[in-house]
C-alpha atoms as a PDB file:
ATOM      1  CA  UNK A   1      92.175 108.679  77.730  1.00  0.00           C
ATOM      2  CA  UNK A   2      91.648 109.213  81.457  1.00  0.00           C
ATOM      3  CA  UNK A   3      88.915 107.718  83.580  1.00  0.00           C
ATOM      4  CA  UNK A   4      87.184 109.505  86.481  1.00  0.00           C
ATOM      5  CA  UNK A   5      88.310 108.235  89.918  1.00  0.00           C
ATOM      6  CA  UNK A   6      84.889 106.713  90.647  1.00  0.00           C
ATOM      7  CA  UNK A   7      85.029 104.720  87.429  1.00  0.00           C
ATOM      8  CA  UNK A   8      88.506 103.443  88.265  1.00  0.00           C
ATOM      9  CA  UNK A   9      87.306 102.288  91.680  1.00  0.00           C
ATOM     10  CA  UNK A  10      84.321 100.484  90.186  1.00  0.00           C
ATOM     11  CA  UNK A  11      86.571  98.731  87.651  1.00  0.00           C
ATOM     12  CA  UNK A  12      89.017  97.641  90.346  1.00  0.00           C
ATOM     13  CA  UNK A  13      86.206  96.481  92.638  1.00  0.00           C
ATOM     14  CA  UNK A  14      84.807  94.318  89.831  1.00  0.00           C
ATOM     15  CA  UNK A  15      88.248  92.856  89.081  1.00  0.00           C
ATOM     16  CA  UNK A  16      88.837  92.022  92.739  1.00  0.00           C
ATOM     17  CA  UNK A  17      85.442  90.380  93.167  1.00  0.00           C
ATOM     18  CA  UNK A  18      86.070  88.333  90.030  1.00  0.00           C
ATOM     19  CA  UNK A  19      89.439  87.129  91.321  1.00  0.00           C
ATOM     20  CA  UNK A  20      88.184  85.930  94.712  1.00  0.00           C
ATOM     21  CA  UNK A  21      84.733  84.699  93.705  1.00  0.00           C
ATOM     22  CA  UNK A  22      84.280  81.118  94.828  1.00  0.00           C
ATOM     23  CA  UNK A  23      87.605  80.908  96.654  1.00  0.00           C
ATOM     24  CA  UNK A  24      87.777  79.699 100.235  1.00  0.00           C
ATOM     25  CA  UNK A  25      88.404  82.584 102.638  1.00  0.00           C
ATOM     26  CA  UNK A  26      91.982  81.444 103.288  1.00  0.00           C
ATOM     27  CA  UNK A  27      92.882  81.563  99.594  1.00  0.00           C
ATOM     28  CA  UNK A  28      91.042  84.848  99.067  1.00  0.00           C
ATOM     29  CA  UNK A  29      92.953  86.611 101.858  1.00  0.00           C
ATOM     30  CA  UNK A  30      96.298  85.428 100.472  1.00  0.00           C
ATOM     31  CA  UNK A  31      95.399  86.654  97.000  1.00  0.00           C
ATOM     32  CA  UNK A  32      94.065  90.015  98.202  1.00  0.00           C
ATOM     33  CA  UNK A  33      96.915  90.650 100.644  1.00  0.00           C
ATOM     34  CA  UNK A  34      99.495  89.790  97.999  1.00  0.00           C
ATOM     35  CA  UNK A  35      97.730  92.045  95.524  1.00  0.00           C
ATOM     36  CA  UNK A  36      97.686  94.904  98.048  1.00  0.00           C
ATOM     37  CA  UNK A  37     101.390  94.453  98.700  1.00  0.00           C
ATOM     38  CA  UNK A  38     102.336  94.354  95.024  1.00  0.00           C
ATOM     39  CA  UNK A  39     100.067  97.309  94.188  1.00  0.00           C
ATOM     40  CA  UNK A  40     101.645  99.333  96.996  1.00  0.00           C
ATOM     41  CA  UNK A  41     105.101  98.477  95.675  1.00  0.00           C
ATOM     42  CA  UNK A  42     104.189  99.578  92.162  1.00  0.00           C
ATOM     43  CA  UNK A  43     102.603 102.785  93.471  1.00  0.00           C
ATOM     44  CA  UNK A  44     105.728 103.548  95.505  1.00  0.00           C
ATOM     45  CA  UNK A  45     108.035 102.947  92.544  1.00  0.00           C
ATOM     46  CA  UNK A  46     105.996 105.244  90.312  1.00  0.00           C
ATOM     47  CA  UNK A  47     105.677 107.959  92.962  1.00  0.00           C
ATOM     48  CA  UNK A  48     109.426 107.828  93.691  1.00  0.00           C
ATOM     49  CA  UNK A  49     110.242 108.021  89.982  1.00  0.00           C
ATOM     50  CA  UNK A  50     107.939 110.997  89.463  1.00  0.00           C
ATOM     51  CA  UNK A  51     109.135 112.785  92.615  1.00  0.00           C
ATOM     52  CA  UNK A  52     112.717 112.495  91.408  1.00  0.00           C
ATOM     53  CA  UNK A  53     111.779 113.710  87.942  1.00  0.00           C
ATOM     54  CA  UNK A  54     109.868 116.709  89.324  1.00  0.00           C
ATOM     55  CA  UNK A  55     112.314 117.818  92.029  1.00  0.00           C
ATOM     56  CA  UNK A  56     112.163 121.589  92.278  1.00  0.00           C
ATOM     57  CA  UNK A  57     108.871 121.820  90.385  1.00  0.00           C
ATOM     58  CA  UNK A  58     105.623 122.984  91.945  1.00  0.00           C
ATOM     59  CA  UNK A  59     104.030 119.519  91.914  1.00  0.00           C
ATOM     60  CA  UNK A  60     107.059 117.810  93.499  1.00  0.00           C
ATOM     61  CA  UNK A  61     105.554 118.028  97.005  1.00  0.00           C
ATOM     62  CA  UNK A  62     102.488 115.993  96.085  1.00  0.00           C
ATOM     63  CA  UNK A  63     104.600 113.282  94.462  1.00  0.00           C
ATOM     64  CA  UNK A  64     106.977 113.191  97.431  1.00  0.00           C
ATOM     65  CA  UNK A  65     104.026 112.932  99.831  1.00  0.00           C
ATOM     66  CA  UNK A  66     102.578 110.089  97.765  1.00  0.00           C
ATOM     67  CA  UNK A  67     105.947 108.359  97.852  1.00  0.00           C
ATOM     68  CA  UNK A  68     106.040 108.586 101.653  1.00  0.00           C
ATOM     69  CA  UNK A  69     102.434 107.477 102.070  1.00  0.00           C
ATOM     70  CA  UNK A  70     102.885 104.523  99.727  1.00  0.00           C
ATOM     71  CA  UNK A  71     105.962 103.419 101.665  1.00  0.00           C
ATOM     72  CA  UNK A  72     103.765 103.194 104.772  1.00  0.00           C
ATOM     73  CA  UNK A  73     101.194 101.205 102.813  1.00  0.00           C
ATOM     74  CA  UNK A  74     103.926  98.752 101.755  1.00  0.00           C
ATOM     75  CA  UNK A  75     104.793  98.108 105.409  1.00  0.00           C
ATOM     76  CA  UNK A  76     101.167  97.501 106.363  1.00  0.00           C
ATOM     77  CA  UNK A  77     100.429  95.416 103.275  1.00  0.00           C
ATOM     78  CA  UNK A  78     103.516  93.287 103.972  1.00  0.00           C
ATOM     79  CA  UNK A  79     102.169  92.544 107.430  1.00  0.00           C
ATOM     80  CA  UNK A  80      98.774  91.636 105.949  1.00  0.00           C
ATOM     81  CA  UNK A  81     100.431  89.364 103.388  1.00  0.00           C
ATOM     82  CA  UNK A  82     102.500  87.631 106.061  1.00  0.00           C
ATOM     83  CA  UNK A  83      99.453  87.085 108.273  1.00  0.00           C
ATOM     84  CA  UNK A  84      97.387  85.799 105.345  1.00  0.00           C
ATOM     85  CA  UNK A  85     100.166  83.357 104.473  1.00  0.00           C
ATOM     86  CA  UNK A  86     100.258  82.219 108.107  1.00  0.00           C
ATOM     87  CA  UNK A  87      96.506  81.568 107.986  1.00  0.00           C
ATOM     88  CA  UNK A  88      96.902  79.576 104.773  1.00  0.00           C
ATOM     89  CA  UNK A  89      99.873  77.586 106.079  1.00  0.00           C
ATOM     90  CA  UNK A  90      97.884  76.372 109.083  1.00  0.00           C
ATOM     91  CA  UNK A  91      95.596  74.535 106.664  1.00  0.00           C
ATOM     92  CA  UNK A  92      98.400  72.474 105.197  1.00  0.00           C
END
């Protein structure tokens, strides 16, 4: 069963709010930045797998583009995670 994109976003938004509710800002940024990094990694793995499986097919280009875009997200999310960890480590 598939969910409309808007419904998926609402579900994810609710999950994220639930995870950071009541946390100090420093802990919330570490959690969210780590989540962004791990989500980007999972997205990249799936996109790479599907691009390889669909090589030569009509939809290959979209999967390959998603693979490239998600690789860029990994780089940015890694920087966010590192900065969030730096913020948290200054508290210790």
